[in-house]
């Protein structure tokens, strides 16, 4: 807000407000600020009045003498109401981006897709076994993820960490997210979805580096530490694993536990055991941002 300095004395009553509107044509503009100040500037005689008289009320007519104790000034038979002190504007805390009288609206939830083969937290299921005769082996998986939030500041990101037998990445570039959408050997790719699911990770199993034995899918709240956000503000988080070639759902997992001390959630993982790919519904969280997750899985992040 731009504050204009006005050369006025005393409180502004209803009559002087009318005169201000008359001078400014209802809108205070740069070219009529001087006329506004001139109208409210006291005469030379008024400037010579004793200091006790400076607290008297201004009106659009002649100046009035101070009222005696216990009495009030009247300009006509009707009493003139005396305005009280103006209410101060509501204060906003530093860094606040919304007025207290205008809270941020609750985000509109996105409808969830049908989750056809749901499992519970901790449950493991085989995705690929010995293919029956005449049935093509599973070649491409697609992990589709979605969620809703109760706080419009919650910006959730999906990432996938490609891990070896030791539970660490083979190299610093072996994880994918919005800033690094593809793995080095082009087997694993991050994508955003226009409707239904929010983001997805597609894995070409036939192109996957043989050293990769596990892929962990993680949801992370962006800038959670700076904005004091947490997974208590998240709901309806899920992951579903599809056969990307047929779009058939193989398994799905929807979270039911959300914690206020968590900002990243390992929602699920696929892993290879004895040549067979399986899914594990993890649903465990940590109080680490994306940089903290990189350190957890062995990615060296440049400062």
C-alpha atoms as a PDB file:
ATOM      1  CA  UNK A   1       0.000   0.000   0.000  1.00  0.00           C
ATOM      2  CA  UNK A   2       1.260   3.500  -0.847  1.00  0.00           C
ATOM      3  CA  UNK A   3       0.704   6.050   1.952  1.00  0.00           C
ATOM      4  CA  UNK A   4      -0.017   9.640   0.898  1.00  0.00           C
ATOM      5  CA  UNK A   5       0.906  12.352   3.421  1.00  0.00           C
ATOM      6  CA  UNK A   6      -2.012  14.700   4.161  1.00  0.00           C
ATOM      7  CA  UNK A   7      -1.554  18.056   5.872  1.00  0.00           C
ATOM      8  CA  UNK A   8      -4.607  17.716   8.120  1.00  0.00           C
ATOM      9  CA  UNK A   9      -5.165  18.267  11.815  1.00  0.00           C
ATOM     10  CA  UNK A  10      -7.479  16.453  14.183  1.00  0.00           C
ATOM     11  CA  UNK A  11      -9.850  13.568  13.390  1.00  0.00           C
ATOM     12  CA  UNK A  12     -11.747  13.452  10.087  1.00  0.00           C
ATOM     13  CA  UNK A  13     -15.520  13.481  10.609  1.00  0.00           C
ATOM     14  CA  UNK A  14     -18.361  12.618   8.217  1.00  0.00           C
ATOM     15  CA  UNK A  15     -18.600  16.186   6.866  1.00  0.00           C
ATOM     16  CA  UNK A  16     -14.930  16.416   6.016  1.00  0.00           C
ATOM     17  CA  UNK A  17     -15.055  12.993   4.378  1.00  0.00           C
ATOM     18  CA  UNK A  18     -17.803  14.381   2.138  1.00  0.00           C
ATOM     19  CA  UNK A  19     -15.659  17.355   1.265  1.00  0.00           C
ATOM     20  CA  UNK A  20     -12.696  15.076   0.467  1.00  0.00           C
ATOM     21  CA  UNK A  21     -14.822  13.026  -1.897  1.00  0.00           C
ATOM     22  CA  UNK A  22     -16.095  16.214  -3.524  1.00  0.00           C
ATOM     23  CA  UNK A  23     -12.573  17.508  -4.115  1.00  0.00           C
ATOM     24  CA  UNK A  24     -11.148  14.235  -5.428  1.00  0.00           C
ATOM     25  CA  UNK A  25     -14.151  13.145  -7.508  1.00  0.00           C
ATOM     26  CA  UNK A  26     -14.383   9.923  -5.466  1.00  0.00           C
ATOM     27  CA  UNK A  27     -10.895   8.700  -6.471  1.00  0.00           C
ATOM     28  CA  UNK A  28      -7.626   9.971  -4.985  1.00  0.00           C
ATOM     29  CA  UNK A  29      -5.272  10.468  -7.923  1.00  0.00           C
ATOM     30  CA  UNK A  30      -1.798  11.918  -8.225  1.00  0.00           C
ATOM     31  CA  UNK A  31      -3.039  15.169  -9.842  1.00  0.00           C
ATOM     32  CA  UNK A  32      -5.534  15.979  -7.087  1.00  0.00           C
ATOM     33  CA  UNK A  33      -3.383  15.113  -4.065  1.00  0.00           C
ATOM     34  CA  UNK A  34      -2.230  18.777  -3.934  1.00  0.00           C
ATOM     35  CA  UNK A  35      -5.802  20.042  -3.981  1.00  0.00           C
ATOM     36  CA  UNK A  36      -6.636  17.610  -1.186  1.00  0.00           C
ATOM     37  CA  UNK A  37      -3.735  18.855   0.923  1.00  0.00           C
ATOM     38  CA  UNK A  38      -4.598  22.475   0.134  1.00  0.00           C
ATOM     39  CA  UNK A  39      -8.192  22.009   1.265  1.00  0.00           C
ATOM     40  CA  UNK A  40      -7.155  20.450   4.554  1.00  0.00           C
ATOM     41  CA  UNK A  41      -4.252  22.901   5.166  1.00  0.00           C
ATOM     42  CA  UNK A  42      -5.215  25.267   8.057  1.00  0.00           C
ATOM     43  CA  UNK A  43      -5.158  29.009   7.564  1.00  0.00           C
ATOM     44  CA  UNK A  44      -2.443  31.229   9.038  1.00  0.00           C
ATOM     45  CA  UNK A  45      -4.813  32.289  11.810  1.00  0.00           C
ATOM     46  CA  UNK A  46      -5.565  28.709  12.678  1.00  0.00           C
ATOM     47  CA  UNK A  47      -1.855  27.951  12.895  1.00  0.00           C
ATOM     48  CA  UNK A  48      -1.503  30.646  15.575  1.00  0.00           C
ATOM     49  CA  UNK A  49      -4.151  29.075  17.847  1.00  0.00           C
ATOM     50  CA  UNK A  50      -3.014  27.700  21.186  1.00  0.00           C
ATOM     51  CA  UNK A  51      -1.993  24.054  21.217  1.00  0.00           C
ATOM     52  CA  UNK A  52      -5.115  23.173  23.194  1.00  0.00           C
ATOM     53  CA  UNK A  53      -7.293  24.171  20.237  1.00  0.00           C
ATOM     54  CA  UNK A  54      -5.453  21.882  17.769  1.00  0.00           C
ATOM     55  CA  UNK A  55      -7.453  18.873  18.951  1.00  0.00           C
ATOM     56  CA  UNK A  56     -10.799  20.310  17.744  1.00  0.00           C
ATOM     57  CA  UNK A  57     -12.752  18.614  14.947  1.00  0.00           C
ATOM     58  CA  UNK A  58     -12.609  19.849  11.332  1.00  0.00           C
ATOM     59  CA  UNK A  59     -15.754  20.155   9.234  1.00  0.00           C
ATOM     60  CA  UNK A  60     -16.586  21.406   5.765  1.00  0.00           C
ATOM     61  CA  UNK A  61     -17.991  24.681   7.249  1.00  0.00           C
ATOM     62  CA  UNK A  62     -16.530  27.304   9.617  1.00  0.00           C
ATOM     63  CA  UNK A  63     -14.264  26.166  12.418  1.00  0.00           C
ATOM     64  CA  UNK A  64     -15.882  25.501  15.794  1.00  0.00           C
ATOM     65  CA  UNK A  65     -14.751  26.442  19.285  1.00  0.00           C
ATOM     66  CA  UNK A  66     -13.816  23.632  21.643  1.00  0.00           C
ATOM     67  CA  UNK A  67     -16.783  22.307  23.601  1.00  0.00           C
ATOM     68  CA  UNK A  68     -16.947  22.943  27.295  1.00  0.00           C
ATOM     69  CA  UNK A  69     -16.606  19.922  29.600  1.00  0.00           C
ATOM     70  CA  UNK A  70     -19.764  17.879  29.640  1.00  0.00           C
ATOM     71  CA  UNK A  71     -21.148  19.508  26.478  1.00  0.00           C
ATOM     72  CA  UNK A  72     -20.797  18.842  22.738  1.00  0.00           C
ATOM     73  CA  UNK A  73     -20.632  21.009  19.625  1.00  0.00           C
ATOM     74  CA  UNK A  74     -23.734  20.982  17.423  1.00  0.00           C
ATOM     75  CA  UNK A  75     -24.134  22.375  13.915  1.00  0.00           C
ATOM     76  CA  UNK A  76     -27.923  21.886  13.865  1.00  0.00           C
ATOM     77  CA  UNK A  77     -30.712  20.481  15.928  1.00  0.00           C
ATOM     78  CA  UNK A  78     -29.578  16.914  15.161  1.00  0.00           C
ATOM     79  CA  UNK A  79     -26.650  15.499  17.175  1.00  0.00           C
ATOM     80  CA  UNK A  80     -23.443  14.940  15.222  1.00  0.00           C
ATOM     81  CA  UNK A  81     -21.852  11.540  15.945  1.00  0.00           C
ATOM     82  CA  UNK A  82     -18.181  11.675  16.806  1.00  0.00           C
ATOM     83  CA  UNK A  83     -16.122   8.975  15.013  1.00  0.00           C
ATOM     84  CA  UNK A  84     -13.953   6.788  17.151  1.00  0.00           C
ATOM     85  CA  UNK A  85     -10.315   6.001  16.419  1.00  0.00           C
ATOM     86  CA  UNK A  86      -9.817   3.985  13.213  1.00  0.00           C
ATOM     87  CA  UNK A  87      -9.217   0.264  13.632  1.00  0.00           C
ATOM     88  CA  UNK A  88      -5.678  -0.792  12.710  1.00  0.00           C
ATOM     89  CA  UNK A  89      -5.349  -3.156   9.715  1.00  0.00           C
ATOM     90  CA  UNK A  90      -4.762  -6.851  10.521  1.00  0.00           C
ATOM     91  CA  UNK A  91      -1.106  -7.689  10.945  1.00  0.00           C
ATOM     92  CA  UNK A  92       0.529 -10.395   8.836  1.00  0.00           C
ATOM     93  CA  UNK A  93       3.471 -12.362  10.121  1.00  0.00           C
ATOM     94  CA  UNK A  94       6.716 -12.084   8.121  1.00  0.00           C
ATOM     95  CA  UNK A  95       6.634 -14.452   5.159  1.00  0.00           C
ATOM     96  CA  UNK A  96       2.860 -14.778   5.210  1.00  0.00           C
ATOM     97  CA  UNK A  97       1.355 -14.835   1.728  1.00  0.00           C
ATOM     98  CA  UNK A  98      -2.315 -14.627   2.605  1.00  0.00           C
ATOM     99  CA  UNK A  99      -4.498 -12.276   4.630  1.00  0.00           C
ATOM    100  CA  UNK A 100      -6.049 -13.791   7.781  1.00  0.00           C
ATOM    101  CA  UNK A 101      -9.465 -12.766   6.422  1.00  0.00           C
ATOM    102  CA  UNK A 102      -8.787 -14.649   3.169  1.00  0.00           C
ATOM    103  CA  UNK A 103      -7.531 -18.159   4.080  1.00  0.00           C
ATOM    104  CA  UNK A 104      -6.249 -20.345   1.284  1.00  0.00           C
ATOM    105  CA  UNK A 105      -8.967 -22.619  -0.138  1.00  0.00           C
ATOM    106  CA  UNK A 106      -8.762 -26.350   0.440  1.00  0.00           C
ATOM    107  CA  UNK A 107      -7.375 -28.101  -2.675  1.00  0.00           C
ATOM    108  CA  UNK A 108      -9.909 -29.895  -4.830  1.00  0.00           C
ATOM    109  CA  UNK A 109      -9.205 -33.650  -4.546  1.00  0.00           C
ATOM    110  CA  UNK A 110      -8.496 -35.639  -7.685  1.00  0.00           C
ATOM    111  CA  UNK A 111     -10.623 -38.780  -8.113  1.00  0.00           C
ATOM    112  CA  UNK A 112      -8.668 -41.989  -7.643  1.00  0.00           C
ATOM    113  CA  UNK A 113      -8.533 -44.653 -10.372  1.00  0.00           C
ATOM    114  CA  UNK A 114      -9.932 -48.069  -9.674  1.00  0.00           C
ATOM    115  CA  UNK A 115      -7.466 -50.063  -7.566  1.00  0.00           C
ATOM    116  CA  UNK A 116      -8.304 -53.627  -8.549  1.00  0.00           C
ATOM    117  CA  UNK A 117      -5.685 -55.800  -6.863  1.00  0.00           C
ATOM    118  CA  UNK A 118      -4.939 -54.101  -3.548  1.00  0.00           C
ATOM    119  CA  UNK A 119      -2.506 -55.444  -0.984  1.00  0.00           C
ATOM    120  CA  UNK A 120      -1.817 -54.407   2.602  1.00  0.00           C
ATOM    121  CA  UNK A 121       1.283 -52.727   4.033  1.00  0.00           C
ATOM    122  CA  UNK A 122       4.161 -55.201   4.232  1.00  0.00           C
ATOM    123  CA  UNK A 123       2.597 -57.652   1.793  1.00  0.00           C
ATOM    124  CA  UNK A 124       4.707 -58.982  -1.079  1.00  0.00           C
ATOM    125  CA  UNK A 125       3.454 -60.334  -4.368  1.00  0.00           C
ATOM    126  CA  UNK A 126       5.077 -61.889  -7.433  1.00  0.00           C
ATOM    127  CA  UNK A 127       4.856 -59.851 -10.624  1.00  0.00           C
ATOM    128  CA  UNK A 128       6.579 -62.234 -13.011  1.00  0.00           C
ATOM    129  CA  UNK A 129       7.001 -65.940 -12.808  1.00  0.00           C
ATOM    130  CA  UNK A 130       7.609 -68.559 -15.402  1.00  0.00           C
ATOM    131  CA  UNK A 131       5.512 -67.449 -18.357  1.00  0.00           C
ATOM    132  CA  UNK A 132       2.974 -70.104 -19.457  1.00  0.00           C
ATOM    133  CA  UNK A 133       3.355 -71.477 -22.934  1.00  0.00           C
ATOM    134  CA  UNK A 134       2.039 -69.004 -25.507  1.00  0.00           C
ATOM    135  CA  UNK A 135       2.079 -66.065 -23.040  1.00  0.00           C
ATOM    136  CA  UNK A 136       4.649 -63.330 -23.633  1.00  0.00           C
ATOM    137  CA  UNK A 137       6.907 -62.677 -20.617  1.00  0.00           C
ATOM    138  CA  UNK A 138       6.507 -59.429 -18.718  1.00  0.00           C
ATOM    139  CA  UNK A 139       8.678 -56.842 -20.465  1.00  0.00           C
ATOM    140  CA  UNK A 140       7.671 -53.354 -19.264  1.00  0.00           C
ATOM    141  CA  UNK A 141       6.330 -52.228 -15.889  1.00  0.00           C
ATOM    142  CA  UNK A 142       4.688 -48.915 -15.147  1.00  0.00           C
ATOM    143  CA  UNK A 143       4.413 -47.617 -11.574  1.00  0.00           C
ATOM    144  CA  UNK A 144       1.562 -45.086 -11.407  1.00  0.00           C
ATOM    145  CA  UNK A 145       1.321 -42.875  -8.315  1.00  0.00           C
ATOM    146  CA  UNK A 146      -1.256 -40.441  -7.010  1.00  0.00           C
ATOM    147  CA  UNK A 147      -2.355 -38.568  -3.884  1.00  0.00           C
ATOM    148  CA  UNK A 148      -4.443 -35.685  -2.581  1.00  0.00           C
ATOM    149  CA  UNK A 149      -3.536 -32.949  -0.108  1.00  0.00           C
ATOM    150  CA  UNK A 150      -5.339 -30.915   2.537  1.00  0.00           C
ATOM    151  CA  UNK A 151      -2.868 -28.018   2.218  1.00  0.00           C
ATOM    152  CA  UNK A 152      -2.436 -26.148  -1.071  1.00  0.00           C
ATOM    153  CA  UNK A 153       1.275 -25.590  -0.314  1.00  0.00           C
ATOM    154  CA  UNK A 154       2.022 -29.321  -0.437  1.00  0.00           C
ATOM    155  CA  UNK A 155       3.834 -30.018  -3.715  1.00  0.00           C
ATOM    156  CA  UNK A 156       4.567 -33.753  -3.855  1.00  0.00           C
ATOM    157  CA  UNK A 157       7.294 -35.166  -6.113  1.00  0.00           C
ATOM    158  CA  UNK A 158       7.894 -38.749  -7.220  1.00  0.00           C
ATOM    159  CA  UNK A 159      11.378 -40.233  -7.462  1.00  0.00           C
ATOM    160  CA  UNK A 160      12.735 -43.740  -8.073  1.00  0.00           C
ATOM    161  CA  UNK A 161      16.093 -45.034  -6.825  1.00  0.00           C
ATOM    162  CA  UNK A 162      17.714 -47.908  -8.758  1.00  0.00           C
ATOM    163  CA  UNK A 163      19.671 -49.995  -6.224  1.00  0.00           C
ATOM    164  CA  UNK A 164      22.121 -52.891  -6.391  1.00  0.00           C
ATOM    165  CA  UNK A 165      22.464 -55.839  -3.989  1.00  0.00           C
ATOM    166  CA  UNK A 166      23.993 -53.578  -1.339  1.00  0.00           C
ATOM    167  CA  UNK A 167      20.963 -51.256  -1.294  1.00  0.00           C
ATOM    168  CA  UNK A 168      22.928 -48.393  -2.851  1.00  0.00           C
ATOM    169  CA  UNK A 169      22.833 -46.799  -6.302  1.00  0.00           C
ATOM    170  CA  UNK A 170      25.496 -48.051  -8.769  1.00  0.00           C
ATOM    171  CA  UNK A 171      26.346 -44.403  -9.525  1.00  0.00           C
ATOM    172  CA  UNK A 172      25.193 -40.868  -8.844  1.00  0.00           C
ATOM    173  CA  UNK A 173      22.928 -40.756 -11.891  1.00  0.00           C
ATOM    174  CA  UNK A 174      21.001 -43.912 -11.009  1.00  0.00           C
ATOM    175  CA  UNK A 175      17.836 -42.290  -9.773  1.00  0.00           C
ATOM    176  CA  UNK A 176      15.075 -40.551 -11.717  1.00  0.00           C
ATOM    177  CA  UNK A 177      12.777 -37.652 -10.853  1.00  0.00           C
ATOM    178  CA  UNK A 178      11.455 -34.495 -12.557  1.00  0.00           C
ATOM    179  CA  UNK A 179      14.967 -32.985 -12.739  1.00  0.00           C
ATOM    180  CA  UNK A 180      16.599 -36.166 -14.130  1.00  0.00           C
ATOM    181  CA  UNK A 181      13.826 -38.004 -15.986  1.00  0.00           C
ATOM    182  CA  UNK A 182      15.799 -40.967 -17.377  1.00  0.00           C
ATOM    183  CA  UNK A 183      18.307 -43.492 -16.090  1.00  0.00           C
ATOM    184  CA  UNK A 184      21.733 -43.789 -17.774  1.00  0.00           C
ATOM    185  CA  UNK A 185      20.863 -46.903 -19.803  1.00  0.00           C
ATOM    186  CA  UNK A 186      17.387 -45.501 -20.758  1.00  0.00           C
ATOM    187  CA  UNK A 187      15.522 -48.287 -18.993  1.00  0.00           C
ATOM    188  CA  UNK A 188      13.662 -46.192 -16.428  1.00  0.00           C
ATOM    189  CA  UNK A 189      11.791 -42.974 -17.157  1.00  0.00           C
ATOM    190  CA  UNK A 190       9.822 -40.430 -15.109  1.00  0.00           C
ATOM    191  CA  UNK A 191       6.633 -38.872 -16.543  1.00  0.00           C
ATOM    192  CA  UNK A 192       3.779 -36.646 -15.413  1.00  0.00           C
ATOM    193  CA  UNK A 193       0.199 -37.714 -16.066  1.00  0.00           C
ATOM    194  CA  UNK A 194      -2.546 -35.389 -17.317  1.00  0.00           C
ATOM    195  CA  UNK A 195      -5.433 -37.117 -15.530  1.00  0.00           C
ATOM    196  CA  UNK A 196      -6.086 -39.938 -13.105  1.00  0.00           C
ATOM    197  CA  UNK A 197      -2.606 -40.739 -11.806  1.00  0.00           C
ATOM    198  CA  UNK A 198      -0.351 -37.754 -11.094  1.00  0.00           C
ATOM    199  CA  UNK A 199       3.114 -39.086 -11.988  1.00  0.00           C
ATOM    200  CA  UNK A 200       4.575 -42.373 -13.187  1.00  0.00           C
ATOM    201  CA  UNK A 201       7.788 -44.367 -13.555  1.00  0.00           C
ATOM    202  CA  UNK A 202       8.133 -46.721 -16.551  1.00  0.00           C
ATOM    203  CA  UNK A 203      10.709 -49.545 -16.422  1.00  0.00           C
ATOM    204  CA  UNK A 204      11.903 -51.547 -19.406  1.00  0.00           C
ATOM    205  CA  UNK A 205      13.023 -54.752 -17.725  1.00  0.00           C
ATOM    206  CA  UNK A 206      14.836 -55.951 -20.841  1.00  0.00           C
ATOM    207  CA  UNK A 207      17.001 -52.803 -20.839  1.00  0.00           C
ATOM    208  CA  UNK A 208      17.608 -52.626 -17.101  1.00  0.00           C
ATOM    209  CA  UNK A 209      21.228 -52.851 -15.978  1.00  0.00           C
ATOM    210  CA  UNK A 210      21.785 -56.361 -14.523  1.00  0.00           C
ATOM    211  CA  UNK A 211      23.378 -54.769 -11.453  1.00  0.00           C
ATOM    212  CA  UNK A 212      20.028 -53.188 -10.500  1.00  0.00           C
ATOM    213  CA  UNK A 213      18.111 -55.542  -8.197  1.00  0.00           C
ATOM    214  CA  UNK A 214      15.607 -53.156  -6.623  1.00  0.00           C
ATOM    215  CA  UNK A 215      13.758 -49.935  -7.538  1.00  0.00           C
ATOM    216  CA  UNK A 216      12.254 -47.893  -4.680  1.00  0.00           C
ATOM    217  CA  UNK A 217       9.390 -45.467  -5.370  1.00  0.00           C
ATOM    218  CA  UNK A 218       9.356 -42.418  -3.092  1.00  0.00           C
ATOM    219  CA  UNK A 219       6.951 -39.521  -2.500  1.00  0.00           C
ATOM    220  CA  UNK A 220       8.585 -36.337  -1.199  1.00  0.00           C
ATOM    221  CA  UNK A 221       6.989 -33.014  -0.199  1.00  0.00           C
ATOM    222  CA  UNK A 222       8.945 -30.239  -1.904  1.00  0.00           C
ATOM    223  CA  UNK A 223      10.332 -27.566   0.483  1.00  0.00           C
ATOM    224  CA  UNK A 224       8.682 -29.314   3.422  1.00  0.00           C
ATOM    225  CA  UNK A 225      11.318 -28.196   5.927  1.00  0.00           C
ATOM    226  CA  UNK A 226      11.163 -24.546   4.872  1.00  0.00           C
ATOM    227  CA  UNK A 227       7.343 -24.416   4.835  1.00  0.00           C
ATOM    228  CA  UNK A 228       6.785 -26.776   7.800  1.00  0.00           C
ATOM    229  CA  UNK A 229       4.796 -29.277   5.762  1.00  0.00           C
ATOM    230  CA  UNK A 230       4.415 -32.989   6.514  1.00  0.00           C
ATOM    231  CA  UNK A 231       2.601 -36.169   5.516  1.00  0.00           C
ATOM    232  CA  UNK A 232      -0.212 -35.454   7.941  1.00  0.00           C
ATOM    233  CA  UNK A 233      -1.372 -33.091   5.165  1.00  0.00           C
ATOM    234  CA  UNK A 234      -1.419 -35.902   2.557  1.00  0.00           C
ATOM    235  CA  UNK A 235      -4.223 -38.375   1.904  1.00  0.00           C
ATOM    236  CA  UNK A 236      -5.216 -41.010  -0.677  1.00  0.00           C
ATOM    237  CA  UNK A 237      -1.572 -41.788  -1.535  1.00  0.00           C
ATOM    238  CA  UNK A 238      -1.274 -44.909  -3.667  1.00  0.00           C
ATOM    239  CA  UNK A 239       0.897 -46.773  -6.133  1.00  0.00           C
ATOM    240  CA  UNK A 240      -0.309 -49.243  -8.732  1.00  0.00           C
ATOM    241  CA  UNK A 241       1.913 -51.430 -10.891  1.00  0.00           C
ATOM    242  CA  UNK A 242       0.757 -52.049 -14.462  1.00  0.00           C
ATOM    243  CA  UNK A 243       1.871 -54.238 -17.299  1.00  0.00           C
ATOM    244  CA  UNK A 244       2.699 -51.278 -19.553  1.00  0.00           C
ATOM    245  CA  UNK A 245       2.138 -53.310 -22.731  1.00  0.00           C
ATOM    246  CA  UNK A 246      -1.431 -54.315 -21.838  1.00  0.00           C
ATOM    247  CA  UNK A 247      -2.291 -51.602 -19.230  1.00  0.00           C
ATOM    248  CA  UNK A 248      -3.417 -54.408 -16.927  1.00  0.00           C
ATOM    249  CA  UNK A 249      -3.052 -53.688 -13.202  1.00  0.00           C
ATOM    250  CA  UNK A 250      -0.866 -56.304 -11.531  1.00  0.00           C
ATOM    251  CA  UNK A 251      -1.008 -54.965  -7.960  1.00  0.00           C
ATOM    252  CA  UNK A 252      -1.905 -51.771  -6.084  1.00  0.00           C
ATOM    253  CA  UNK A 253      -1.304 -50.362  -2.615  1.00  0.00           C
ATOM    254  CA  UNK A 254      -3.055 -47.439  -0.915  1.00  0.00           C
ATOM    255  CA  UNK A 255      -1.582 -45.935   2.222  1.00  0.00           C
ATOM    256  CA  UNK A 256      -3.661 -45.675   5.391  1.00  0.00           C
ATOM    257  CA  UNK A 257      -1.057 -44.313   7.822  1.00  0.00           C
ATOM    258  CA  UNK A 258       0.146 -40.693   7.628  1.00  0.00           C
ATOM    259  CA  UNK A 259       2.587 -39.107  10.068  1.00  0.00           C
ATOM    260  CA  UNK A 260       3.291 -35.488  10.983  1.00  0.00           C
ATOM    261  CA  UNK A 261       7.021 -36.191  11.468  1.00  0.00           C
ATOM    262  CA  UNK A 262       7.488 -37.547   7.910  1.00  0.00           C
ATOM    263  CA  UNK A 263       8.233 -35.556   4.744  1.00  0.00           C
ATOM    264  CA  UNK A 264       9.273 -38.439   2.433  1.00  0.00           C
ATOM    265  CA  UNK A 265       7.506 -41.771   2.019  1.00  0.00           C
ATOM    266  CA  UNK A 266       8.892 -44.982   0.523  1.00  0.00           C
ATOM    267  CA  UNK A 267       5.509 -46.099  -0.699  1.00  0.00           C
ATOM    268  CA  UNK A 268       6.589 -49.273  -2.490  1.00  0.00           C
ATOM    269  CA  UNK A 269       9.347 -51.084  -4.336  1.00  0.00           C
ATOM    270  CA  UNK A 270       9.922 -53.753  -6.947  1.00  0.00           C
ATOM    271  CA  UNK A 271      12.794 -56.170  -6.449  1.00  0.00           C
ATOM    272  CA  UNK A 272      14.269 -59.219  -8.130  1.00  0.00           C
ATOM    273  CA  UNK A 273      14.660 -62.472  -6.251  1.00  0.00           C
ATOM    274  CA  UNK A 274      15.936 -65.620  -8.014  1.00  0.00           C
ATOM    275  CA  UNK A 275      15.221 -64.083 -11.391  1.00  0.00           C
ATOM    276  CA  UNK A 276      11.625 -63.199 -10.457  1.00  0.00           C
ATOM    277  CA  UNK A 277      10.331 -59.631 -10.025  1.00  0.00           C
ATOM    278  CA  UNK A 278       8.173 -58.941  -6.978  1.00  0.00           C
ATOM    279  CA  UNK A 279       6.395 -55.976  -5.392  1.00  0.00           C
ATOM    280  CA  UNK A 280       6.659 -54.966  -1.739  1.00  0.00           C
ATOM    281  CA  UNK A 281       4.085 -52.572  -0.207  1.00  0.00           C
ATOM    282  CA  UNK A 282       6.483 -50.607   2.026  1.00  0.00           C
ATOM    283  CA  UNK A 283       4.594 -47.542   3.326  1.00  0.00           C
ATOM    284  CA  UNK A 284       7.430 -46.300   5.562  1.00  0.00           C
ATOM    285  CA  UNK A 285       8.492 -42.657   5.853  1.00  0.00           C
ATOM    286  CA  UNK A 286      11.489 -40.610   6.959  1.00  0.00           C
ATOM    287  CA  UNK A 287      12.089 -37.014   7.979  1.00  0.00           C
ATOM    288  CA  UNK A 288      14.410 -36.415   5.006  1.00  0.00           C
ATOM    289  CA  UNK A 289      14.017 -34.290   1.892  1.00  0.00           C
ATOM    290  CA  UNK A 290      15.197 -35.363  -1.569  1.00  0.00           C
ATOM    291  CA  UNK A 291      18.810 -34.440  -0.766  1.00  0.00           C
ATOM    292  CA  UNK A 292      18.591 -36.531   2.407  1.00  0.00           C
ATOM    293  CA  UNK A 293      17.228 -39.476   0.440  1.00  0.00           C
ATOM    294  CA  UNK A 294      20.082 -39.193  -2.043  1.00  0.00           C
ATOM    295  CA  UNK A 295      22.552 -39.415   0.812  1.00  0.00           C
ATOM    296  CA  UNK A 296      20.644 -42.382   2.245  1.00  0.00           C
ATOM    297  CA  UNK A 297      20.964 -44.324  -1.017  1.00  0.00           C
ATOM    298  CA  UNK A 298      24.539 -43.308  -1.801  1.00  0.00           C
ATOM    299  CA  UNK A 299      24.027 -40.477  -4.292  1.00  0.00           C
ATOM    300  CA  UNK A 300      26.679 -37.780  -3.972  1.00  0.00           C
ATOM    301  CA  UNK A 301      24.943 -34.397  -4.232  1.00  0.00           C
ATOM    302  CA  UNK A 302      26.990 -31.343  -5.144  1.00  0.00           C
ATOM    303  CA  UNK A 303      26.609 -28.537  -2.605  1.00  0.00           C
END
